[in-house]
Amino acid sequence: MAVSPDSVAVELGRPTPLSESDSARFQSWIDQALYLIGRRYSIDALASADVDYVVLMAVAEHARHADSA
């Protein structure tokens, strides 16, 4: 899997490199997304590009709304 905190920042139009705290926050969300996908499907059986796309879009969307909750 190739989603990184910096790739999330690029999707959001934010400058990179990220601060240490933002990088840790995004990485936590990436890990959680992968965990949830893995609970339902065998990640190894899925196309890695598809998993990366879903994780990137999910984390970016979560980041867009994280502070409005």
PDB file of N, CA and C in Angstrom:
ATOM      1  N   MET A   1       0.841  -1.167   0.000  1.00  0.00           N
ATOM      2  CA  MET A   1       0.000   0.000   0.000  1.00  0.00           C
ATOM      3  C   MET A   1       0.895   1.242   0.000  1.00  0.00           C
ATOM      4  N   ALA A   2       0.469   2.236  -0.738  1.00  0.00           N
ATOM      5  CA  ALA A   2       1.345   3.380  -0.957  1.00  0.00           C
ATOM      6  C   ALA A   2       0.756   4.714  -0.505  1.00  0.00           C
ATOM      7  N   VAL A   3      -0.297   4.710   0.285  1.00  0.00           N
ATOM      8  CA  VAL A   3      -0.859   5.974   0.751  1.00  0.00           C
ATOM      9  C   VAL A   3      -0.006   6.475   1.915  1.00  0.00           C
ATOM     10  N   SER A   4       0.373   7.739   1.839  1.00  0.00           N
ATOM     11  CA  SER A   4       1.183   8.339   2.894  1.00  0.00           C
ATOM     12  C   SER A   4       0.507   9.623   3.365  1.00  0.00           C
ATOM     13  N   PRO A   5       0.898  10.111   4.531  1.00  0.00           N
ATOM     14  CA  PRO A   5       0.350  11.391   4.971  1.00  0.00           C
ATOM     15  C   PRO A   5       0.579  12.507   3.947  1.00  0.00           C
ATOM     16  N   ASP A   6       1.721  12.510   3.287  1.00  0.00           N
ATOM     17  CA  ASP A   6       1.983  13.536   2.279  1.00  0.00           C
ATOM     18  C   ASP A   6       1.041  13.409   1.084  1.00  0.00           C
ATOM     19  N   SER A   7       0.691  12.182   0.689  1.00  0.00           N
ATOM     20  CA  SER A   7      -0.239  12.027  -0.437  1.00  0.00           C
ATOM     21  C   SER A   7      -1.629  12.531  -0.059  1.00  0.00           C
ATOM     22  N   VAL A   8      -2.005  12.395   1.202  1.00  0.00           N
ATOM     23  CA  VAL A   8      -3.279  12.947   1.670  1.00  0.00           C
ATOM     24  C   VAL A   8      -3.221  14.474   1.614  1.00  0.00           C
ATOM     25  N   ALA A   9      -2.104  15.042   2.054  1.00  0.00           N
ATOM     26  CA  ALA A   9      -1.942  16.497   2.016  1.00  0.00           C
ATOM     27  C   ALA A   9      -2.048  17.022   0.591  1.00  0.00           C
ATOM     28  N   VAL A  10      -1.424  16.345  -0.358  1.00  0.00           N
ATOM     29  CA  VAL A  10      -1.499  16.756  -1.759  1.00  0.00           C
ATOM     30  C   VAL A  10      -2.943  16.718  -2.242  1.00  0.00           C
ATOM     31  N   GLU A  11      -3.676  15.663  -1.901  1.00  0.00           N
ATOM     32  CA  GLU A  11      -5.084  15.556  -2.285  1.00  0.00           C
ATOM     33  C   GLU A  11      -5.900  16.719  -1.725  1.00  0.00           C
ATOM     34  N   LEU A  12      -5.539  17.179  -0.543  1.00  0.00           N
ATOM     35  CA  LEU A  12      -6.249  18.277   0.109  1.00  0.00           C
ATOM     36  C   LEU A  12      -5.758  19.648  -0.349  1.00  0.00           C
ATOM     37  N   GLY A  13      -4.689  19.665  -1.133  1.00  0.00           N
ATOM     38  CA  GLY A  13      -4.117  20.932  -1.564  1.00  0.00           C
ATOM     39  C   GLY A  13      -3.325  21.637  -0.480  1.00  0.00           C
ATOM     40  N   ARG A  14      -2.823  20.863   0.471  1.00  0.00           N
ATOM     41  CA  ARG A  14      -2.036  21.426   1.567  1.00  0.00           C
ATOM     42  C   ARG A  14      -0.553  21.298   1.257  1.00  0.00           C
ATOM     43  N   PRO A  15       0.251  22.210   1.775  1.00  0.00           N
ATOM     44  CA  PRO A  15       1.691  22.138   1.517  1.00  0.00           C
ATOM     45  C   PRO A  15       2.328  20.951   2.237  1.00  0.00           C
ATOM     46  N   THR A  16       3.378  20.450   1.637  1.00  0.00           N
ATOM     47  CA  THR A  16       4.175  19.388   2.252  1.00  0.00           C
ATOM     48  C   THR A  16       5.599  19.899   2.374  1.00  0.00           C
ATOM     49  N   PRO A  17       6.385  19.391   3.275  1.00  0.00           N
ATOM     50  CA  PRO A  17       6.047  18.328   4.212  1.00  0.00           C
ATOM     51  C   PRO A  17       5.110  18.823   5.318  1.00  0.00           C
ATOM     52  N   LEU A  18       4.387  17.878   5.874  1.00  0.00           N
ATOM     53  CA  LEU A  18       3.452  18.174   6.953  1.00  0.00           C
ATOM     54  C   LEU A  18       4.198  18.346   8.268  1.00  0.00           C
ATOM     55  N   SER A  19       3.543  18.997   9.209  1.00  0.00           N
ATOM     56  CA  SER A  19       4.081  19.040  10.566  1.00  0.00           C
ATOM     57  C   SER A  19       4.060  17.625  11.127  1.00  0.00           C
ATOM     58  N   GLU A  20       4.830  17.404  12.144  1.00  0.00           N
ATOM     59  CA  GLU A  20       4.885  16.074  12.756  1.00  0.00           C
ATOM     60  C   GLU A  20       3.513  15.645  13.282  1.00  0.00           C
ATOM     61  N   SER A  21       2.783  16.583  13.880  1.00  0.00           N
ATOM     62  CA  SER A  21       1.472  16.232  14.438  1.00  0.00           C
ATOM     63  C   SER A  21       0.462  15.926  13.334  1.00  0.00           C
ATOM     64  N   ASP A  22       0.447  16.709  12.239  1.00  0.00           N
ATOM     65  CA  ASP A  22      -0.466  16.417  11.134  1.00  0.00           C
ATOM     66  C   ASP A  22      -0.105  15.104  10.462  1.00  0.00           C
ATOM     67  N   SER A  23       1.170  14.847  10.314  1.00  0.00           N
ATOM     68  CA  SER A  23       1.606  13.593   9.701  1.00  0.00           C
ATOM     69  C   SER A  23       1.156  12.398  10.548  1.00  0.00           C
ATOM     70  N   ALA A  24       1.322  12.496  11.854  1.00  0.00           N
ATOM     71  CA  ALA A  24       0.896  11.415  12.752  1.00  0.00           C
ATOM     72  C   ALA A  24      -0.625  11.237  12.706  1.00  0.00           C
ATOM     73  N   ARG A  25      -1.345  12.349  12.640  1.00  0.00           N
ATOM     74  CA  ARG A  25      -2.808  12.297  12.583  1.00  0.00           C
ATOM     75  C   ARG A  25      -3.277  11.605  11.304  1.00  0.00           C
ATOM     76  N   PHE A  26      -2.719  12.010  10.163  1.00  0.00           N
ATOM     77  CA  PHE A  26      -3.091  11.389   8.896  1.00  0.00           C
ATOM     78  C   PHE A  26      -2.699   9.918   8.867  1.00  0.00           C
ATOM     79  N   GLN A  27      -1.521   9.591   9.397  1.00  0.00           N
ATOM     80  CA  GLN A  27      -1.087   8.197   9.395  1.00  0.00           C
ATOM     81  C   GLN A  27      -2.015   7.337  10.239  1.00  0.00           C
ATOM     82  N   SER A  28      -2.482   7.871  11.348  1.00  0.00           N
ATOM     83  CA  SER A  28      -3.439   7.141  12.184  1.00  0.00           C
ATOM     84  C   SER A  28      -4.711   6.842  11.410  1.00  0.00           C
ATOM     85  N   TRP A  29      -5.211   7.823  10.666  1.00  0.00           N
ATOM     86  CA  TRP A  29      -6.427   7.611   9.876  1.00  0.00           C
ATOM     87  C   TRP A  29      -6.191   6.625   8.740  1.00  0.00           C
ATOM     88  N   ILE A  30      -5.023   6.667   8.130  1.00  0.00           N
ATOM     89  CA  ILE A  30      -4.676   5.694   7.082  1.00  0.00           C
ATOM     90  C   ILE A  30      -4.690   4.289   7.668  1.00  0.00           C
ATOM     91  N   ASP A  31      -4.043   4.123   8.819  1.00  0.00           N
ATOM     92  CA  ASP A  31      -3.994   2.812   9.481  1.00  0.00           C
ATOM     93  C   ASP A  31      -5.393   2.327   9.841  1.00  0.00           C
ATOM     94  N   GLN A  32      -6.237   3.223  10.321  1.00  0.00           N
ATOM     95  CA  GLN A  32      -7.606   2.842  10.678  1.00  0.00           C
ATOM     96  C   GLN A  32      -8.413   2.422   9.452  1.00  0.00           C
ATOM     97  N   ALA A  33      -8.244   3.141   8.354  1.00  0.00           N
ATOM     98  CA  ALA A  33      -8.959   2.782   7.124  1.00  0.00           C
ATOM     99  C   ALA A  33      -8.527   1.404   6.636  1.00  0.00           C
ATOM    100  N   LEU A  34      -7.228   1.148   6.660  1.00  0.00           N
ATOM    101  CA  LEU A  34      -6.732  -0.168   6.240  1.00  0.00           C
ATOM    102  C   LEU A  34      -7.247  -1.264   7.168  1.00  0.00           C
ATOM    103  N   TYR A  35      -7.298  -0.986   8.450  1.00  0.00           N
ATOM    104  CA  TYR A  35      -7.825  -1.949   9.415  1.00  0.00           C
ATOM    105  C   TYR A  35      -9.284  -2.291   9.099  1.00  0.00           C
ATOM    106  N   LEU A  36     -10.083  -1.257   8.861  1.00  0.00           N
ATOM    107  CA  LEU A  36     -11.506  -1.496   8.592  1.00  0.00           C
ATOM    108  C   LEU A  36     -11.718  -2.256   7.287  1.00  0.00           C
ATOM    109  N   ILE A  37     -10.952  -1.943   6.266  1.00  0.00           N
ATOM    110  CA  ILE A  37     -11.050  -2.704   5.011  1.00  0.00           C
ATOM    111  C   ILE A  37     -10.659  -4.153   5.268  1.00  0.00           C
ATOM    112  N   GLY A  38      -9.599  -4.349   6.027  1.00  0.00           N
ATOM    113  CA  GLY A  38      -9.120  -5.699   6.337  1.00  0.00           C
ATOM    114  C   GLY A  38     -10.085  -6.515   7.177  1.00  0.00           C
ATOM    115  N   ARG A  39     -10.936  -5.851   7.935  1.00  0.00           N
ATOM    116  CA  ARG A  39     -11.944  -6.579   8.721  1.00  0.00           C
ATOM    117  C   ARG A  39     -12.990  -7.218   7.815  1.00  0.00           C
ATOM    118  N   ARG A  40     -13.200  -6.634   6.663  1.00  0.00           N
ATOM    119  CA  ARG A  40     -14.241  -7.113   5.753  1.00  0.00           C
ATOM    120  C   ARG A  40     -13.701  -7.958   4.609  1.00  0.00           C
ATOM    121  N   TYR A  41     -12.508  -7.604   4.134  1.00  0.00           N
ATOM    122  CA  TYR A  41     -11.918  -8.268   2.963  1.00  0.00           C
ATOM    123  C   TYR A  41     -10.469  -8.640   3.257  1.00  0.00           C
ATOM    124  N   SER A  42      -9.971  -9.603   2.518  1.00  0.00           N
ATOM    125  CA  SER A  42      -8.541  -9.907   2.566  1.00  0.00           C
ATOM    126  C   SER A  42      -7.839  -8.864   1.695  1.00  0.00           C
ATOM    127  N   ILE A  43      -7.122  -7.954   2.325  1.00  0.00           N
ATOM    128  CA  ILE A  43      -6.478  -6.866   1.588  1.00  0.00           C
ATOM    129  C   ILE A  43      -5.537  -7.409   0.521  1.00  0.00           C
ATOM    130  N   ASP A  44      -4.868  -8.513   0.813  1.00  0.00           N
ATOM    131  CA  ASP A  44      -3.937  -9.105  -0.161  1.00  0.00           C
ATOM    132  C   ASP A  44      -4.652  -9.571  -1.424  1.00  0.00           C
ATOM    133  N   ALA A  45      -5.948  -9.863  -1.321  1.00  0.00           N
ATOM    134  CA  ALA A  45      -6.712 -10.336  -2.485  1.00  0.00           C
ATOM    135  C   ALA A  45      -7.249  -9.181  -3.332  1.00  0.00           C
ATOM    136  N   LEU A  46      -7.137  -7.962  -2.831  1.00  0.00           N
ATOM    137  CA  LEU A  46      -7.651  -6.793  -3.550  1.00  0.00           C
ATOM    138  C   LEU A  46      -6.537  -6.135  -4.349  1.00  0.00           C
ATOM    139  N   ALA A  47      -6.902  -5.459  -5.407  1.00  0.00           N
ATOM    140  CA  ALA A  47      -5.918  -4.710  -6.197  1.00  0.00           C
ATOM    141  C   ALA A  47      -5.384  -3.558  -5.336  1.00  0.00           C
ATOM    142  N   SER A  48      -4.078  -3.500  -5.181  1.00  0.00           N
ATOM    143  CA  SER A  48      -3.494  -2.493  -4.288  1.00  0.00           C
ATOM    144  C   SER A  48      -3.820  -1.071  -4.735  1.00  0.00           C
ATOM    145  N   ALA A  49      -3.896  -0.820  -6.034  1.00  0.00           N
ATOM    146  CA  ALA A  49      -4.244   0.524  -6.509  1.00  0.00           C
ATOM    147  C   ALA A  49      -5.660   0.901  -6.083  1.00  0.00           C
ATOM    148  N   ASP A  50      -6.560  -0.059  -6.080  1.00  0.00           N
ATOM    149  CA  ASP A  50      -7.939   0.204  -5.652  1.00  0.00           C
ATOM    150  C   ASP A  50      -7.991   0.498  -4.158  1.00  0.00           C
ATOM    151  N   VAL A  51      -7.270  -0.288  -3.369  1.00  0.00           N
ATOM    152  CA  VAL A  51      -7.231  -0.060  -1.918  1.00  0.00           C
ATOM    153  C   VAL A  51      -6.631   1.316  -1.638  1.00  0.00           C
ATOM    154  N   ASP A  52      -5.541   1.637  -2.306  1.00  0.00           N
ATOM    155  CA  ASP A  52      -4.905   2.948  -2.115  1.00  0.00           C
ATOM    156  C   ASP A  52      -5.868   4.086  -2.424  1.00  0.00           C
ATOM    157  N   TYR A  53      -6.605   3.955  -3.522  1.00  0.00           N
ATOM    158  CA  TYR A  53      -7.548   4.996  -3.921  1.00  0.00           C
ATOM    159  C   TYR A  53      -8.637   5.177  -2.858  1.00  0.00           C
ATOM    160  N   VAL A  54      -9.198   4.082  -2.403  1.00  0.00           N
ATOM    161  CA  VAL A  54     -10.268   4.148  -1.401  1.00  0.00           C
ATOM    162  C   VAL A  54      -9.743   4.749  -0.096  1.00  0.00           C
ATOM    163  N   VAL A  55      -8.572   4.330   0.333  1.00  0.00           N
ATOM    164  CA  VAL A  55      -7.990   4.861   1.569  1.00  0.00           C
ATOM    165  C   VAL A  55      -7.701   6.356   1.410  1.00  0.00           C
ATOM    166  N   LEU A  56      -7.095   6.744   0.304  1.00  0.00           N
ATOM    167  CA  LEU A  56      -6.776   8.151   0.077  1.00  0.00           C
ATOM    168  C   LEU A  56      -8.029   9.015   0.097  1.00  0.00           C
ATOM    169  N   MET A  57      -9.057   8.594  -0.618  1.00  0.00           N
ATOM    170  CA  MET A  57     -10.290   9.374  -0.673  1.00  0.00           C
ATOM    171  C   MET A  57     -10.991   9.420   0.691  1.00  0.00           C
ATOM    172  N   ALA A  58     -11.008   8.300   1.402  1.00  0.00           N
ATOM    173  CA  ALA A  58     -11.664   8.250   2.711  1.00  0.00           C
ATOM    174  C   ALA A  58     -10.942   9.138   3.725  1.00  0.00           C
ATOM    175  N   VAL A  59      -9.619   9.067   3.744  1.00  0.00           N
ATOM    176  CA  VAL A  59      -8.853   9.864   4.702  1.00  0.00           C
ATOM    177  C   VAL A  59      -8.939  11.352   4.351  1.00  0.00           C
ATOM    178  N   ALA A  60      -8.865  11.685   3.081  1.00  0.00           N
ATOM    179  CA  ALA A  60      -8.984  13.084   2.667  1.00  0.00           C
ATOM    180  C   ALA A  60     -10.354  13.643   3.068  1.00  0.00           C
ATOM    181  N   GLU A  61     -11.396  12.884   2.823  1.00  0.00           N
ATOM    182  CA  GLU A  61     -12.738  13.332   3.191  1.00  0.00           C
ATOM    183  C   GLU A  61     -12.862  13.476   4.709  1.00  0.00           C
ATOM    184  N   HIS A  62     -12.308  12.542   5.446  1.00  0.00           N
ATOM    185  CA  HIS A  62     -12.331  12.627   6.900  1.00  0.00           C
ATOM    186  C   HIS A  62     -11.590  13.884   7.363  1.00  0.00           C
ATOM    187  N   ALA A  63     -10.450  14.166   6.755  1.00  0.00           N
ATOM    188  CA  ALA A  63      -9.671  15.340   7.119  1.00  0.00           C
ATOM    189  C   ALA A  63     -10.435  16.636   6.834  1.00  0.00           C
ATOM    190  N   ARG A  64     -11.169  16.651   5.748  1.00  0.00           N
ATOM    191  CA  ARG A  64     -11.947  17.847   5.403  1.00  0.00           C
ATOM    192  C   ARG A  64     -12.991  18.178   6.464  1.00  0.00           C
ATOM    193  N   HIS A  65     -13.487  17.148   7.150  1.00  0.00           N
ATOM    194  CA  HIS A  65     -14.572  17.335   8.116  1.00  0.00           C
ATOM    195  C   HIS A  65     -14.158  17.063   9.559  1.00  0.00           C
ATOM    196  N   ALA A  66     -12.891  16.810   9.804  1.00  0.00           N
ATOM    197  CA  ALA A  66     -12.444  16.416  11.138  1.00  0.00           C
ATOM    198  C   ALA A  66     -12.686  17.479  12.201  1.00  0.00           C
ATOM    199  N   ASP A  67     -12.504  18.728  11.849  1.00  0.00           N
ATOM    200  CA  ASP A  67     -12.637  19.784  12.839  1.00  0.00           C
ATOM    201  C   ASP A  67     -14.039  20.362  12.947  1.00  0.00           C
ATOM    202  N   SER A  68     -14.950  19.875  12.113  1.00  0.00           N
ATOM    203  CA  SER A  68     -16.319  20.399  12.168  1.00  0.00           C
ATOM    204  C   SER A  68     -17.251  19.536  13.010  1.00  0.00           C
ATOM    205  N   ALA A  69     -16.710  18.475  13.587  1.00  0.00           N
ATOM    206  CA  ALA A  69     -17.550  17.561  14.381  1.00  0.00           C
ATOM    207  C   ALA A  69     -17.858  18.125  15.742  1.00  0.00           C
TER     208      ALA A  69
END
